[in-house]
Amino acid sequence: MTSLNQKLFQRSQEFIPGGVNSPVRAFKSVGGTPVFFKQGKGAYVWDADNKSYIDYVGSWGPLILGHAHPEVIKAVQNKIKDGLTFGAPTEAELEIAELLCKLVPSIEQVRLVSSGTEATMTAIRLARGYTGRNRIIKFEGCYHGHDDALLVKAGSGALTLGCPSSAGVPAEVTNSTTVLNFNDLEELEQIFSKAGREVAAVIVEPVAGNMNFVTPNPKFLPALRELCTKYGSVLIFDEVMTGFRVGLGCAQGVYNIKPDLTTLGKVIGGGMPMAAFGGKREIMQCLAPVGSVYQAGTLSGNPIAVSAGLATLQMVQTPGFYEKLTSSTQQLTNGLTGIAKKYEIPFCAQSLGGMFGLYFRGDIPSSYAEVMECDVESFNRFFHAMLEEGIYFAPSSFEAGFVSSAHSDMVIRKTLQAAERVFSTWK
């Protein structure tokens, strides 16, 4: 019997490229039919066939409070009565801007936008306008949205021109983008010694969440800060994913590094389309209308999105919130690691705040190359087995996972019981 999920996917492929509106949703990496969801509540989601799942995707990070949190829903309902959008300033925009500057000390001024891609794209443009330079450094495995200049993979060496990793991106657009290896200090110092005065900015996920989940080596972020300061380059922390997800002060608070610019998204919108970029006042003052770097957006600072974001940011400031979130995530990763070890399965996991990574390999990876050594077939097998058990992990071995405050001890326990059943039959 054909499920409703299957029927919906068949229909959607006729009208939507690949049947989805964002590539990873298509399950191409893991195989099978994508799940079409119709409802979420707390740590659970329900698909078109009314099957429930414990959700460790959380809309790819924004839902740190879980699905349909009462305070967020209430805030949206109260605000929506007044209208959907104005294309003009509102007091709520000022309120969330003040809050972001208060919670993230490196941000002295901030501008709201509608997506993480928009935030990183403008941060790059702003850095170039501020420095008068063109070259951008990024790191292999770090994703910063689908801006042309950042859809690039490395050439054969650190100084080789980057080549586009997407059709439709002209090579000349990526000629000024240099790609280095995440956590490679020697390569980083080499490129700065040769071309440091050409570098407008370094953009990095301080904790990489788009090549699974890779944390920085202890010396990596401090070296970035030191080199950018020495050569007058702008250090951009892309915290679209890690912002308020790994701690109240974001990843920069966890690692005590102060970037020049920060991009934020996901959690600050509380599940609604909203993002932001901000940083040093002298850099932000280069933006129009006070400066010559242009950026605009019809729906920037949308009042409904701002209301959801404000409600979420108020909740995460509750005393003990991140301690409990961290504990729940560690309970999950430690439990999965212990079960896999019991059945002698090459597997490891790690976490930070409410983010985690699962790896089918002997030890935790520290670079894109090491992530690529993970056993993808084993992950795919695990994914589908857990999905059958009613546990929804990210449908790709190269994506981080997320725990919310709605993931109670009982929810984590149910997940580990399902993993026990799956791993016990592993051969």
Protein backbone atom coordinates (compact mmCIF):
# COMPACT_ATOMS: atom_id res chain seq x y z
CA MET A 1 0.00 0.00 0.00
CA THR A 2 1.38 3.41 -1.00
CA SER A 3 1.74 5.75 1.97
CA LEU A 4 0.53 9.33 1.90
CA ASN A 5 4.18 10.41 2.24
CA GLN A 6 4.98 8.57 -0.98
CA LYS A 7 1.96 10.01 -2.79
CA LEU A 8 2.86 13.54 -1.73
CA PHE A 9 6.45 13.10 -2.86
CA GLN A 10 5.35 11.78 -6.24
CA ARG A 11 3.05 14.79 -6.72
CA SER A 12 5.60 17.30 -5.50
CA GLN A 13 8.25 16.16 -7.97
CA GLU A 14 5.98 17.25 -10.81
CA PHE A 15 5.81 20.84 -9.61
CA ILE A 16 8.91 21.37 -7.42
CA PRO A 17 12.46 20.53 -8.56
CA GLY A 18 13.37 17.31 -6.79
CA GLY A 19 10.08 17.53 -4.94
CA VAL A 20 11.60 19.70 -2.20
CA ASN A 21 12.38 23.35 -1.49
CA SER A 22 15.82 22.68 0.02
CA PRO A 23 18.06 19.86 -1.28
CA VAL A 24 18.83 17.84 1.87
CA ARG A 25 15.11 17.30 2.46
CA ALA A 26 14.98 15.00 -0.57
CA PHE A 27 16.69 12.11 1.32
CA LYS A 28 19.06 11.76 -1.63
CA SER A 29 21.99 11.14 0.73
CA VAL A 30 20.27 8.37 2.68
CA GLY A 31 17.82 7.06 0.08
CA GLY A 32 14.12 6.47 0.46
CA THR A 33 11.08 8.72 0.56
CA PRO A 34 11.22 12.04 2.43
CA VAL A 35 8.94 12.47 5.40
CA PHE A 36 6.21 15.09 4.95
CA PHE A 37 5.38 16.61 8.33
CA LYS A 38 2.11 18.18 9.29
CA GLN A 39 2.43 18.91 13.02
CA GLY A 40 4.99 19.39 15.77
CA LYS A 41 4.64 19.59 19.53
CA GLY A 42 7.51 19.69 21.98
CA ALA A 43 10.10 17.07 21.03
CA TYR A 44 7.73 15.29 18.63
CA VAL A 45 6.62 15.65 15.01
CA TRP A 46 3.85 13.85 13.10
CA ASP A 47 4.01 12.95 9.43
CA ALA A 48 1.31 12.86 6.77
CA ASP A 49 0.52 9.24 7.74
CA ASN A 50 0.05 10.27 11.40
CA LYS A 51 3.19 8.47 12.56
CA SER A 52 5.00 10.28 15.38
CA TYR A 53 8.75 10.77 15.67
CA ILE A 54 11.13 12.14 18.28
CA ASP A 55 12.74 15.00 16.38
CA TYR A 56 16.49 15.70 16.48
CA VAL A 57 16.45 18.06 13.49
CA GLY A 58 14.31 20.83 14.97
CA SER A 59 13.92 22.60 11.61
CA TRP A 60 17.75 22.46 11.37
CA GLY A 61 18.37 24.29 14.63
CA PRO A 62 15.91 27.12 15.28
CA LEU A 63 13.55 25.24 17.61
CA ILE A 64 15.65 25.30 20.75
CA LEU A 65 12.44 25.32 22.82
CA GLY A 66 10.86 22.51 20.82
CA HIS A 67 7.92 22.66 18.46
CA ALA A 68 4.99 25.02 19.08
CA HIS A 69 6.23 26.33 22.42
CA PRO A 70 3.25 28.05 24.10
CA GLU A 71 5.11 31.32 24.78
CA VAL A 72 6.30 31.61 21.18
CA ILE A 73 2.88 30.77 19.75
CA LYS A 74 1.26 33.29 22.09
CA ALA A 75 3.70 36.03 21.06
CA VAL A 76 3.03 35.41 17.36
CA GLN A 77 -0.74 35.31 17.85
CA ASN A 78 -0.71 38.56 19.81
CA LYS A 79 1.38 40.33 17.18
CA ILE A 80 -0.29 38.97 14.06
CA LYS A 81 -3.54 40.74 14.92
CA ASP A 82 -1.82 44.07 14.21
CA GLY A 83 -0.75 43.19 10.66
CA LEU A 84 1.80 41.01 8.90
CA THR A 85 4.37 43.51 7.65
CA PHE A 86 4.90 47.25 7.24
CA GLY A 87 8.18 47.74 5.38
CA ALA A 88 8.87 50.44 7.95
CA PRO A 89 10.53 50.58 11.39
CA THR A 90 8.81 49.08 14.43
CA GLU A 91 9.60 49.32 18.13
CA ALA A 92 10.05 45.55 18.31
CA GLU A 93 12.99 45.78 15.88
CA LEU A 94 14.73 48.13 18.28
CA GLU A 95 13.93 45.84 21.20
CA ILE A 96 15.52 42.76 19.63
CA ALA A 97 18.49 44.79 18.35
CA GLU A 98 19.17 46.05 21.88
CA LEU A 99 18.85 42.52 23.24
CA LEU A 100 21.28 41.05 20.69
CA CYS A 101 23.84 43.75 21.47
CA LYS A 102 23.42 43.06 25.18
CA LEU A 103 23.78 39.28 24.90
CA VAL A 104 26.67 39.26 22.41
CA PRO A 105 29.33 41.78 23.53
CA SER A 106 31.15 41.81 20.17
CA ILE A 107 28.00 43.20 18.53
CA GLU A 108 27.84 46.98 18.94
CA GLN A 109 25.36 47.51 16.11
CA VAL A 110 23.18 45.01 14.28
CA ARG A 111 20.98 44.83 11.21
CA LEU A 112 18.11 42.39 10.79
CA VAL A 113 17.62 40.41 7.57
CA SER A 114 15.47 37.45 6.52
CA SER A 115 17.91 34.54 6.05
CA GLY A 116 21.34 33.30 7.03
CA THR A 117 22.50 33.47 3.42
CA GLU A 118 21.52 37.14 3.30
CA ALA A 119 23.41 37.79 6.54
CA THR A 120 26.67 36.14 5.42
CA MET A 121 26.47 37.60 1.92
CA THR A 122 26.17 41.12 3.33
CA ALA A 123 28.85 40.54 5.96
CA ILE A 124 31.28 39.66 3.17
CA ARG A 125 30.29 42.73 1.16
CA LEU A 126 30.62 44.89 4.26
CA ALA A 127 34.09 43.53 5.05
CA ARG A 128 35.24 44.26 1.51
CA GLY A 129 33.78 47.75 1.62
CA TYR A 130 35.39 48.46 4.99
CA THR A 131 38.87 47.18 4.11
CA GLY A 132 38.99 48.06 0.42
CA ARG A 133 40.27 44.52 -0.24
CA ASN A 134 38.76 41.62 -2.17
CA ARG A 135 40.17 38.30 -0.95
CA ILE A 136 38.05 36.14 1.32
CA ILE A 137 39.26 33.09 3.26
CA LYS A 138 36.83 30.31 4.13
CA PHE A 139 37.31 26.72 5.29
CA GLU A 140 36.51 23.46 3.56
CA GLY A 141 33.37 21.88 4.94
CA CYS A 142 32.02 25.15 6.35
CA TYR A 143 28.81 26.31 4.67
CA HIS A 144 27.81 29.96 4.70
CA GLY A 145 24.68 29.98 2.59
CA HIS A 146 24.34 29.90 -1.17
CA ASP A 147 26.08 33.18 -1.96
CA ASP A 148 28.09 32.81 -5.19
CA ALA A 149 31.44 33.83 -3.69
CA LEU A 150 31.15 31.20 -0.95
CA LEU A 151 30.01 28.25 -3.05
CA VAL A 152 33.57 27.20 -3.67
CA LYS A 153 35.89 24.29 -2.99
CA ALA A 154 39.66 24.33 -2.71
CA GLY A 155 42.14 23.93 -5.53
CA SER A 156 45.33 21.91 -5.18
CA GLY A 157 47.01 24.29 -2.78
CA ALA A 158 46.38 27.13 -0.38
CA LEU A 159 47.10 29.81 -2.95
CA THR A 160 45.30 28.11 -5.82
CA LEU A 161 42.21 29.89 -7.11
CA GLY A 162 39.02 28.40 -5.76
CA CYS A 163 36.74 26.74 -8.29
CA PRO A 164 32.93 26.91 -8.05
CA SER A 165 31.17 23.95 -6.48
CA SER A 166 27.83 24.86 -8.08
CA ALA A 167 26.80 25.27 -11.68
CA GLY A 168 25.81 28.84 -12.51
CA VAL A 169 28.64 30.39 -10.48
CA PRO A 170 31.22 32.08 -12.76
CA ALA A 171 34.83 31.17 -12.00
CA GLU A 172 35.75 34.86 -11.81
CA VAL A 173 33.33 35.28 -8.90
CA THR A 174 35.26 32.76 -6.80
CA ASN A 175 38.74 33.83 -7.91
CA SER A 176 39.02 35.97 -4.79
CA THR A 177 37.96 33.16 -2.45
CA THR A 178 40.68 31.03 -0.83
CA VAL A 179 39.69 27.77 0.83
CA LEU A 180 41.77 26.34 3.68
CA ASN A 181 41.47 23.28 5.89
CA PHE A 182 39.51 23.73 9.11
CA ASN A 183 41.78 23.44 12.18
CA ASP A 184 44.99 23.61 10.07
CA LEU A 185 47.16 26.25 11.78
CA GLU A 186 50.21 25.75 9.57
CA GLU A 187 48.25 26.37 6.38
CA LEU A 188 46.52 29.38 7.91
CA GLU A 189 49.78 31.02 8.94
CA GLN A 190 51.30 30.28 5.54
CA ILE A 191 48.54 32.00 3.59
CA PHE A 192 48.62 35.08 5.81
CA SER A 193 52.39 35.36 5.55
CA LYS A 194 52.11 35.36 1.75
CA ALA A 195 48.90 37.29 1.14
CA GLY A 196 47.71 38.70 4.46
CA ARG A 197 47.45 42.30 3.22
CA GLU A 198 45.09 41.14 0.44
CA VAL A 199 42.63 39.48 2.82
CA ALA A 200 39.43 41.44 3.43
CA ALA A 201 37.93 38.85 5.73
CA VAL A 202 38.07 35.36 7.15
CA ILE A 203 34.67 33.74 7.55
CA VAL A 204 34.33 30.64 9.69
CA GLU A 205 31.78 28.58 11.55
CA PRO A 206 33.46 28.64 15.00
CA VAL A 207 31.94 25.21 15.45
CA ALA A 208 31.35 23.61 12.07
CA GLY A 209 27.83 22.24 11.75
CA ASN A 210 27.66 21.66 8.03
CA MET A 211 30.20 18.84 7.73
CA ASN A 212 28.50 16.96 10.53
CA PHE A 213 29.77 18.55 13.78
CA VAL A 214 33.42 19.54 14.15
CA THR A 215 34.76 21.59 17.06
CA PRO A 216 37.80 23.88 16.80
CA ASN A 217 41.19 22.80 18.10
CA PRO A 218 42.23 24.89 21.14
CA LYS A 219 44.66 27.08 19.15
CA PHE A 220 42.61 27.50 15.97
CA LEU A 221 40.22 30.34 16.82
CA PRO A 222 42.82 32.32 18.82
CA ALA A 223 45.18 32.10 15.83
CA LEU A 224 42.44 33.39 13.54
CA ARG A 225 41.84 36.34 15.84
CA GLU A 226 45.55 37.12 16.13
CA LEU A 227 46.23 36.94 12.38
CA CYS A 228 43.20 39.02 11.42
CA THR A 229 44.23 41.70 13.91
CA LYS A 230 47.84 41.66 12.70
CA TYR A 231 46.95 42.02 9.02
CA GLY A 232 43.90 44.27 9.36
CA SER A 233 41.44 41.64 8.11
CA VAL A 234 37.86 41.34 9.32
CA LEU A 235 37.13 38.18 11.32
CA ILE A 236 33.58 36.99 10.67
CA PHE A 237 32.03 34.34 12.88
CA ASP A 238 29.16 32.64 11.09
CA GLU A 239 26.96 31.81 14.05
CA VAL A 240 23.78 31.29 12.07
CA MET A 241 23.73 27.76 13.47
CA THR A 242 25.69 28.09 16.74
CA GLY A 243 24.23 31.42 17.83
CA PHE A 244 22.34 30.89 21.13
CA ARG A 245 22.40 27.18 20.34
CA VAL A 246 25.66 26.25 22.10
CA GLY A 247 25.39 28.87 24.85
CA LEU A 248 23.84 32.21 25.77
CA GLY A 249 26.94 34.04 24.54
CA CYS A 250 27.03 31.92 21.36
CA ALA A 251 30.19 30.02 20.33
CA GLN A 252 32.29 33.16 20.71
CA GLY A 253 31.28 33.23 24.36
CA VAL A 254 32.14 29.58 24.84
CA TYR A 255 35.62 30.04 23.33
CA ASN A 256 36.16 33.62 24.55
CA ILE A 257 37.01 35.00 21.10
CA LYS A 258 35.70 38.37 19.93
CA PRO A 259 35.08 38.53 16.16
CA ASP A 260 34.69 41.76 14.21
CA LEU A 261 31.40 40.70 12.62
CA THR A 262 28.90 38.00 13.56
CA THR A 263 26.09 36.49 11.53
CA LEU A 264 23.09 35.07 13.37
CA GLY A 265 19.97 33.17 12.35
CA LYS A 266 17.83 30.17 13.23
CA VAL A 267 17.36 30.53 17.04
CA ILE A 268 16.94 34.33 16.90
CA GLY A 269 13.84 33.86 14.73
CA GLY A 270 12.29 31.23 16.98
CA GLY A 271 11.21 29.21 13.95
CA MET A 272 10.31 32.19 11.76
CA PRO A 273 12.44 33.51 8.84
CA MET A 274 14.83 35.95 10.46
CA ALA A 275 18.59 36.47 10.65
CA ALA A 276 21.00 39.27 11.49
CA PHE A 277 24.56 40.46 11.15
CA GLY A 278 26.38 42.84 13.47
CA GLY A 279 29.67 43.79 15.00
CA LYS A 280 32.01 46.71 15.49
CA ARG A 281 30.32 50.08 15.19
CA GLU A 282 32.99 51.46 12.86
CA ILE A 283 32.39 48.59 10.43
CA MET A 284 28.60 48.67 10.67
CA GLN A 285 28.65 52.41 10.02
CA CYS A 286 29.82 51.60 6.48
CA LEU A 287 26.29 50.37 5.71
CA ALA A 288 23.76 52.48 3.82
CA PRO A 289 22.15 54.86 4.61
CA VAL A 290 25.13 56.17 6.63
CA GLY A 291 27.82 54.49 4.52
CA SER A 292 28.40 53.36 0.96
CA VAL A 293 27.86 49.59 1.34
CA TYR A 294 24.33 48.87 0.14
CA GLN A 295 21.93 46.37 1.67
CA ALA A 296 18.14 46.39 1.80
CA GLY A 297 15.23 44.01 2.38
CA THR A 298 11.46 44.41 2.15
CA LEU A 299 10.77 41.93 4.96
CA SER A 300 13.84 42.70 7.10
CA GLY A 301 12.75 42.95 10.74
CA ASN A 302 9.34 41.46 9.99
CA PRO A 303 7.25 42.06 13.14
CA ILE A 304 5.90 38.50 13.32
CA ALA A 305 9.36 36.97 13.06
CA VAL A 306 10.71 39.46 15.59
CA SER A 307 7.96 38.55 18.07
CA ALA A 308 8.84 34.85 17.82
CA GLY A 309 12.54 35.66 18.20
CA LEU A 310 12.02 37.87 21.22
CA ALA A 311 9.92 35.22 22.97
CA THR A 312 12.57 32.59 22.30
CA LEU A 313 15.47 34.76 23.45
CA GLN A 314 13.62 35.62 26.65
CA MET A 315 13.10 31.92 27.42
CA VAL A 316 16.74 30.90 26.87
CA GLN A 317 17.80 33.45 29.48
CA THR A 318 16.02 31.42 32.17
CA PRO A 319 18.58 30.42 34.85
CA GLY A 320 19.87 26.90 34.26
CA PHE A 321 18.49 26.68 30.71
CA TYR A 322 21.80 25.88 29.00
CA GLU A 323 23.02 23.64 31.80
CA LYS A 324 19.94 21.43 31.34
CA LEU A 325 20.18 21.57 27.53
CA THR A 326 23.85 20.57 27.68
CA SER A 327 23.10 17.74 30.08
CA SER A 328 20.32 16.36 27.87
CA THR A 329 22.51 16.44 24.77
CA GLN A 330 25.39 14.73 26.58
CA GLN A 331 22.98 12.11 27.90
CA LEU A 332 22.05 11.34 24.29
CA THR A 333 25.59 11.23 22.86
CA ASN A 334 27.09 9.35 25.81
CA GLY A 335 24.25 6.86 25.72
CA LEU A 336 24.57 6.19 21.99
CA THR A 337 28.34 5.82 22.28
CA GLY A 338 27.98 3.36 25.15
CA ILE A 339 25.46 1.21 23.31
CA ALA A 340 27.59 1.10 20.15
CA LYS A 341 30.65 0.13 22.18
CA LYS A 342 28.68 -2.66 23.84
CA TYR A 343 28.05 -4.19 20.41
CA GLU A 344 31.58 -3.39 19.13
CA ILE A 345 30.34 -0.99 16.47
CA PRO A 346 32.82 1.69 15.28
CA PHE A 347 30.95 4.77 16.44
CA CYS A 348 31.55 7.95 18.44
CA ALA A 349 29.71 11.17 19.22
CA GLN A 350 30.25 14.60 20.76
CA SER A 351 28.19 17.65 21.65
CA LEU A 352 28.27 21.28 22.69
CA GLY A 353 25.23 22.92 24.22
CA GLY A 354 22.26 21.72 22.19
CA MET A 355 24.24 20.57 19.12
CA PHE A 356 25.73 17.15 18.51
CA GLY A 357 27.50 15.00 15.94
CA LEU A 358 27.30 11.26 15.30
CA TYR A 359 30.17 9.53 13.49
CA PHE A 360 30.54 5.96 12.30
CA ARG A 361 34.30 5.83 12.83
CA GLY A 362 36.68 5.06 15.66
CA ASP A 363 37.44 8.58 16.83
CA ILE A 364 36.00 12.08 16.63
CA PRO A 365 36.94 13.94 13.42
CA SER A 366 38.66 17.33 13.49
CA SER A 367 38.57 18.19 9.78
CA TYR A 368 36.54 17.79 6.62
CA ALA A 369 38.91 15.06 5.40
CA GLU A 370 38.38 13.05 8.58
CA VAL A 371 34.60 13.49 8.36
CA MET A 372 34.80 12.05 4.86
CA GLU A 373 36.36 8.91 6.34
CA CYS A 374 33.15 8.11 8.25
CA ASP A 375 31.20 5.03 7.17
CA VAL A 376 28.31 6.59 5.25
CA GLU A 377 26.62 3.24 4.56
CA SER A 378 26.49 2.49 8.29
CA PHE A 379 25.00 5.89 8.99
CA ASN A 380 22.34 5.40 6.32
CA ARG A 381 21.47 2.02 7.79
CA PHE A 382 21.26 3.55 11.27
CA PHE A 383 19.14 6.46 10.01
CA HIS A 384 16.49 4.27 8.41
CA ALA A 385 16.41 1.81 11.31
CA MET A 386 15.92 4.65 13.79
CA LEU A 387 13.32 6.28 11.53
CA GLU A 388 11.39 3.01 11.59
CA GLU A 389 11.62 3.17 15.39
CA GLY A 390 10.14 6.66 15.36
CA ILE A 391 13.37 8.62 15.82
CA TYR A 392 14.09 11.37 13.28
CA PHE A 393 17.76 12.28 12.86
CA ALA A 394 19.09 14.49 10.07
CA PRO A 395 18.84 12.63 6.73
CA SER A 396 22.54 13.02 5.99
CA SER A 397 25.76 11.88 7.64
CA PHE A 398 27.16 15.39 7.06
CA GLU A 399 24.70 17.34 9.20
CA ALA A 400 24.74 18.23 12.89
CA GLY A 401 21.85 17.24 15.15
CA PHE A 402 19.90 19.32 17.65
CA VAL A 403 18.35 18.80 21.07
CA SER A 404 15.73 21.16 22.48
CA SER A 405 14.59 21.97 26.00
CA ALA A 406 11.53 19.81 25.25
CA HIS A 407 13.72 16.69 25.05
CA SER A 408 13.07 15.41 28.54
CA ASP A 409 14.92 12.58 30.25
CA MET A 410 12.07 10.29 29.21
CA VAL A 411 12.42 11.34 25.56
CA ILE A 412 16.18 10.70 25.62
CA ARG A 413 15.58 7.36 27.32
CA LYS A 414 13.12 6.32 24.59
CA THR A 415 15.71 7.26 21.98
CA LEU A 416 18.40 5.17 23.63
CA GLN A 417 16.04 2.21 23.98
CA ALA A 418 15.39 2.41 20.24
CA ALA A 419 19.13 2.57 19.57
CA GLU A 420 19.64 -0.50 21.74
CA ARG A 421 17.16 -2.42 19.62
CA VAL A 422 18.83 -1.23 16.41
CA PHE A 423 22.43 -1.88 17.45
CA SER A 424 21.62 -5.25 19.02
CA THR A 425 20.79 -6.62 15.55
CA TRP A 426 23.83 -5.02 13.90
CA LYS A 427 26.04 -7.45 11.98
